[in-house]
Amino acid sequence: MKHKIDLNCDLGESYGTFKVGNDEKVMPYITSANVACGLHAGDPTTISKTITLAKKHGVAVGAHPSYPDILGFGRREVQMTPEEVWNYTLYQVSALQGFAQAAGLRLQHVKPHGALYNVAAERKDVAKPIIEAIKALDSRLIVFASPGSALASEADKRNMKVAHEFFADRAYNPDGTLVSRKQPNAIIETPVKVVKRAIKAVMDETVLACNGEIVKLGKVHTICVHGDNPAAVKLAIALRKNLVKEGIEVKPVASFL
């Protein structure tokens, strides 16, 4: 059976006159865009422009909610009650849903950003309200989560569709978590290496950890490239070209999950 994979990227992270990434050059090569909701990056005008750009290129749109942490780009944990996590998730996803609807699109997925994603991967008390908020808004939304994470588990419990995600441009620890960005070599910018890792993740369902151990991922549905990675454009182009070359069909995750 032919392998199918979604290629996603975190986009819409510019804010006012502050520009992050190169959305215009990345968008033609991906199939799903995770659009910042304004609490770690992005603003209403950027959201609107990003969705319009995604529609132009036939790219599926998802919400990328985060902790309220513009200063730290959403990469710092914020102490919040489950009720606050629910409220902040609902607030951000519904904002993206509104912009998507106005553009004649339906929101495809939700992928928590940064620290919220990492904490929800480990803690049920954070993962549960995120999933409950998403389901309350639209039970058809697909949840992007790491294989074996608490976020994936909580989504499964509530019969929500889960797209297991692989990070092509991030190093992995032996336990399957991501190497901290504070550590050297945590971010991978070499296209050849990123492509090799991605193909192995799809075909063999494994990745080499930072210590050389083999990490079993299980079935992967979507591959991420970070829009703020300086090499994002080169990586997106290389991934799309070489995945197709390997006979892997690259398309929005909703079309096959």
Protein backbone atom coordinates (compact mmCIF):
# COMPACT_ATOMS: atom_id res chain seq x y z
CA MET A 1 0.00 0.00 0.00
CA LYS A 2 1.29 3.45 -0.92
CA HIS A 3 2.51 5.59 1.98
CA LYS A 4 0.74 8.90 2.51
CA ILE A 5 2.05 11.81 4.58
CA ASP A 6 1.08 15.35 5.45
CA LEU A 7 3.75 18.07 5.52
CA ASN A 8 2.98 20.80 8.05
CA CYS A 9 4.64 24.06 9.05
CA ASP A 10 4.13 26.60 11.84
CA LEU A 11 3.28 29.84 10.05
CA GLY A 12 1.63 33.22 10.59
CA GLU A 13 4.10 34.05 13.34
CA SER A 14 4.82 37.63 12.31
CA TYR A 15 3.43 40.33 14.57
CA GLY A 16 2.78 43.92 13.49
CA THR A 17 5.98 45.10 11.79
CA PHE A 18 7.97 42.20 13.30
CA LYS A 19 8.51 39.54 10.62
CA VAL A 20 9.15 35.86 11.40
CA GLY A 21 9.88 33.25 8.74
CA ASN A 22 9.08 33.36 5.04
CA ASP A 23 5.51 32.13 4.72
CA GLU A 24 5.19 33.08 1.04
CA LYS A 25 8.09 30.84 0.01
CA VAL A 26 7.26 27.91 2.32
CA MET A 27 3.52 27.66 1.62
CA PRO A 28 3.74 26.18 -1.94
CA TYR A 29 5.58 23.10 -0.64
CA ILE A 30 3.50 22.12 2.41
CA THR A 31 0.04 20.60 2.75
CA SER A 32 -1.03 21.89 6.19
CA ALA A 33 -0.36 25.23 7.90
CA ASN A 34 -0.44 25.65 11.69
CA VAL A 35 -1.43 29.30 12.09
CA ALA A 36 -0.41 31.23 15.21
CA CYS A 37 -3.42 32.52 17.13
CA GLY A 38 -1.97 35.73 18.58
CA LEU A 39 -0.86 34.66 22.07
CA HIS A 40 2.70 33.59 21.23
CA ALA A 41 2.90 35.26 17.83
CA GLY A 42 0.66 36.47 15.05
CA ASP A 43 -2.11 39.07 15.02
CA PRO A 44 -5.50 39.41 13.28
CA THR A 45 -4.04 40.86 10.08
CA THR A 46 -1.33 38.20 9.91
CA ILE A 47 -3.90 35.46 10.54
CA SER A 48 -6.06 36.75 7.69
CA LYS A 49 -3.11 37.02 5.28
CA THR A 50 -1.82 33.56 6.19
CA ILE A 51 -5.20 31.91 5.62
CA THR A 52 -5.60 33.72 2.30
CA LEU A 53 -2.15 32.50 1.25
CA ALA A 54 -2.99 28.94 2.33
CA LYS A 55 -6.22 29.00 0.34
CA LYS A 56 -4.33 30.20 -2.75
CA HIS A 57 -1.99 27.20 -2.59
CA GLY A 58 -4.59 24.61 -1.55
CA VAL A 59 -3.02 24.18 1.89
CA ALA A 60 -5.22 22.98 4.78
CA VAL A 61 -5.44 25.34 7.76
CA GLY A 62 -5.09 24.51 11.45
CA ALA A 63 -4.97 26.49 14.68
CA HIS A 64 -1.70 26.74 16.61
CA PRO A 65 -2.74 27.77 20.15
CA SER A 66 -0.18 28.45 22.85
CA TYR A 67 0.38 29.64 26.37
CA PRO A 68 -0.13 33.43 26.60
CA ASP A 69 3.57 34.21 26.23
CA ILE A 70 4.47 36.65 23.45
CA LEU A 71 7.71 37.65 25.20
CA GLY A 72 8.93 34.04 25.25
CA PHE A 73 7.39 33.05 21.88
CA GLY A 74 5.25 30.50 23.71
CA ARG A 75 8.27 28.40 24.63
CA ARG A 76 7.96 28.90 28.39
CA GLU A 77 5.50 27.02 30.56
CA VAL A 78 2.81 29.19 32.17
CA GLN A 79 1.16 27.90 35.33
CA MET A 80 -2.55 27.60 34.52
CA THR A 81 -5.53 25.77 35.98
CA PRO A 82 -7.33 23.22 33.78
CA GLU A 83 -10.17 25.73 33.42
CA GLU A 84 -7.75 28.38 32.16
CA VAL A 85 -6.20 25.93 29.69
CA TRP A 86 -9.70 25.12 28.40
CA ASN A 87 -10.61 28.80 28.07
CA TYR A 88 -7.39 29.85 26.37
CA THR A 89 -7.58 26.92 23.95
CA LEU A 90 -11.19 27.63 23.04
CA TYR A 91 -10.44 31.35 22.64
CA GLN A 92 -7.58 30.79 20.22
CA VAL A 93 -9.03 27.95 18.15
CA SER A 94 -12.36 29.74 17.72
CA ALA A 95 -10.52 32.84 16.47
CA LEU A 96 -8.84 30.78 13.72
CA GLN A 97 -12.10 29.01 13.00
CA GLY A 98 -13.78 32.37 12.43
CA PHE A 99 -11.10 33.62 10.03
CA ALA A 100 -11.14 30.30 8.15
CA GLN A 101 -14.93 30.41 7.81
CA ALA A 102 -14.80 33.98 6.53
CA ALA A 103 -12.35 32.80 3.85
CA GLY A 104 -14.63 29.94 2.84
CA LEU A 105 -12.49 27.24 4.48
CA ARG A 106 -13.07 24.73 7.27
CA LEU A 107 -10.43 24.42 9.94
CA GLN A 108 -8.70 21.03 9.52
CA HIS A 109 -6.74 20.59 12.74
CA VAL A 110 -5.35 21.92 15.99
CA LYS A 111 -1.72 21.67 17.02
CA PRO A 112 -0.66 23.20 20.35
CA HIS A 113 2.49 25.30 20.12
CA GLY A 114 5.81 25.13 21.92
CA ALA A 115 5.66 24.67 25.68
CA LEU A 116 1.93 23.94 25.61
CA TYR A 117 2.56 21.05 23.19
CA ASN A 118 5.45 19.70 25.26
CA VAL A 119 3.66 19.96 28.60
CA ALA A 120 0.46 18.43 27.18
CA ALA A 121 2.55 15.53 25.87
CA GLU A 122 3.52 14.65 29.45
CA ARG A 123 0.63 15.83 31.63
CA LYS A 124 -2.96 14.63 31.50
CA ASP A 125 -4.20 17.64 33.50
CA VAL A 126 -3.09 19.91 30.63
CA ALA A 127 -3.89 17.57 27.74
CA LYS A 128 -7.44 16.85 28.90
CA PRO A 129 -8.79 20.44 28.89
CA ILE A 130 -7.10 21.10 25.52
CA ILE A 131 -8.90 18.13 23.95
CA GLU A 132 -12.19 18.92 25.66
CA ALA A 133 -12.09 22.51 24.39
CA ILE A 134 -11.34 21.37 20.84
CA LYS A 135 -14.15 18.80 20.91
CA ALA A 136 -16.61 21.34 22.33
CA LEU A 137 -15.88 23.59 19.37
CA ASP A 138 -15.82 20.97 16.59
CA SER A 139 -15.44 17.22 17.14
CA ARG A 140 -14.29 16.81 13.51
CA LEU A 141 -11.06 18.70 14.12
CA ILE A 142 -7.91 16.57 13.91
CA VAL A 143 -5.45 16.80 16.82
CA PHE A 144 -1.73 16.89 15.98
CA ALA A 145 0.22 15.12 18.72
CA SER A 146 3.38 13.11 19.32
CA PRO A 147 2.92 9.31 19.26
CA GLY A 148 2.37 7.92 22.75
CA SER A 149 1.78 11.35 24.29
CA ALA A 150 -0.85 12.24 26.88
CA LEU A 151 -2.35 14.59 24.29
CA ALA A 152 -2.81 11.74 21.81
CA SER A 153 -4.21 9.49 24.55
CA GLU A 154 -6.79 12.06 25.73
CA ALA A 155 -7.90 12.62 22.12
CA ASP A 156 -8.26 8.86 21.57
CA LYS A 157 -10.39 8.57 24.72
CA ARG A 158 -12.84 11.11 23.30
CA ASN A 159 -12.93 9.58 19.82
CA MET A 160 -11.10 12.52 18.28
CA LYS A 161 -8.94 11.88 15.22
CA VAL A 162 -5.21 12.11 16.00
CA ALA A 163 -2.43 12.76 13.49
CA HIS A 164 0.83 11.41 14.91
CA GLU A 165 3.53 13.98 14.25
CA PHE A 166 7.22 13.68 13.47
CA PHE A 167 9.57 16.65 13.79
CA ALA A 168 11.99 16.44 10.87
CA ASP A 169 14.09 19.42 11.97
CA ARG A 170 14.38 18.61 15.68
CA ALA A 171 16.63 16.15 17.51
CA TYR A 172 15.02 13.42 19.63
CA ASN A 173 15.83 12.07 23.07
CA PRO A 174 15.90 8.27 23.62
CA ASP A 175 12.45 8.46 25.30
CA GLY A 176 10.89 9.98 22.16
CA THR A 177 10.71 13.55 23.47
CA LEU A 178 12.40 16.46 21.70
CA VAL A 179 15.85 17.64 22.73
CA SER A 180 15.60 21.03 24.44
CA ARG A 181 16.32 24.00 22.22
CA LYS A 182 18.81 25.08 24.89
CA GLN A 183 20.99 22.10 23.99
CA PRO A 184 23.47 22.09 21.10
CA ASN A 185 22.35 20.46 17.83
CA ALA A 186 18.70 20.46 18.93
CA ILE A 187 17.68 22.14 15.66
CA ILE A 188 18.59 20.52 12.34
CA GLU A 189 19.09 22.75 9.32
CA THR A 190 20.75 20.36 6.84
CA PRO A 191 18.29 19.34 4.07
CA VAL A 192 19.96 15.97 3.37
CA LYS A 193 19.78 14.96 7.04
CA VAL A 194 16.20 16.18 7.45
CA VAL A 195 15.05 14.28 4.34
CA LYS A 196 16.77 11.07 5.44
CA ARG A 197 15.14 11.26 8.89
CA ALA A 198 11.70 11.97 7.42
CA ILE A 199 11.79 9.08 4.97
CA LYS A 200 12.93 6.71 7.72
CA ALA A 201 10.12 7.94 9.99
CA VAL A 202 7.52 7.25 7.30
CA MET A 203 8.92 3.98 5.95
CA ASP A 204 10.44 2.37 9.06
CA GLU A 205 8.50 4.28 11.74
CA THR A 206 11.74 5.01 13.63
CA VAL A 207 14.17 7.85 14.31
CA LEU A 208 17.72 7.90 15.64
CA ALA A 209 17.94 9.59 19.03
CA CYS A 210 20.70 12.05 19.90
CA ASN A 211 22.67 9.22 21.56
CA GLY A 212 22.37 6.89 18.56
CA GLU A 213 19.58 4.72 19.96
CA ILE A 214 16.65 3.77 17.74
CA VAL A 215 13.33 5.26 18.83
CA LYS A 216 10.16 3.49 17.68
CA LEU A 217 7.58 6.05 16.60
CA GLY A 218 4.76 3.95 15.24
CA LYS A 219 2.65 5.17 12.33
CA VAL A 220 3.41 8.80 11.40
CA HIS A 221 0.74 10.90 9.66
CA THR A 222 2.31 14.35 9.49
CA ILE A 223 5.84 15.77 9.33
CA CYS A 224 6.66 19.19 10.79
CA VAL A 225 9.08 21.85 9.63
CA HIS A 226 9.30 24.92 11.86
CA GLY A 227 8.64 28.17 10.02
CA ASP A 228 11.13 30.07 12.19
CA ASN A 229 13.93 27.64 11.29
CA PRO A 230 16.39 29.71 9.18
CA ALA A 231 16.49 26.84 6.68
CA ALA A 232 12.69 26.34 6.57
CA VAL A 233 12.29 27.11 2.85
CA LYS A 234 15.14 24.81 1.79
CA LEU A 235 13.86 22.07 4.09
CA ALA A 236 10.27 22.28 2.84
CA ILE A 237 11.41 22.15 -0.80
CA ALA A 238 13.76 19.21 -0.17
CA LEU A 239 11.18 17.26 1.84
CA ARG A 240 8.39 17.66 -0.72
CA LYS A 241 10.66 16.73 -3.63
CA ASN A 242 12.29 13.71 -2.01
CA LEU A 243 9.20 12.28 -0.32
CA VAL A 244 7.46 12.24 -3.70
CA LYS A 245 10.59 10.77 -5.28
CA GLU A 246 10.37 7.89 -2.78
CA GLY A 247 6.81 7.20 -3.90
CA ILE A 248 5.25 8.75 -0.80
CA GLU A 249 2.05 10.67 -1.51
CA VAL A 250 2.14 14.13 0.12
CA LYS A 251 -1.32 15.54 0.84
CA PRO A 252 -3.41 17.18 3.62
CA VAL A 253 -3.92 14.79 6.53
CA ALA A 254 -7.73 15.08 6.46
CA SER A 255 -7.74 13.41 3.04
CA PHE A 256 -6.41 10.10 4.37
CA LEU A 257 -6.87 9.96 8.16
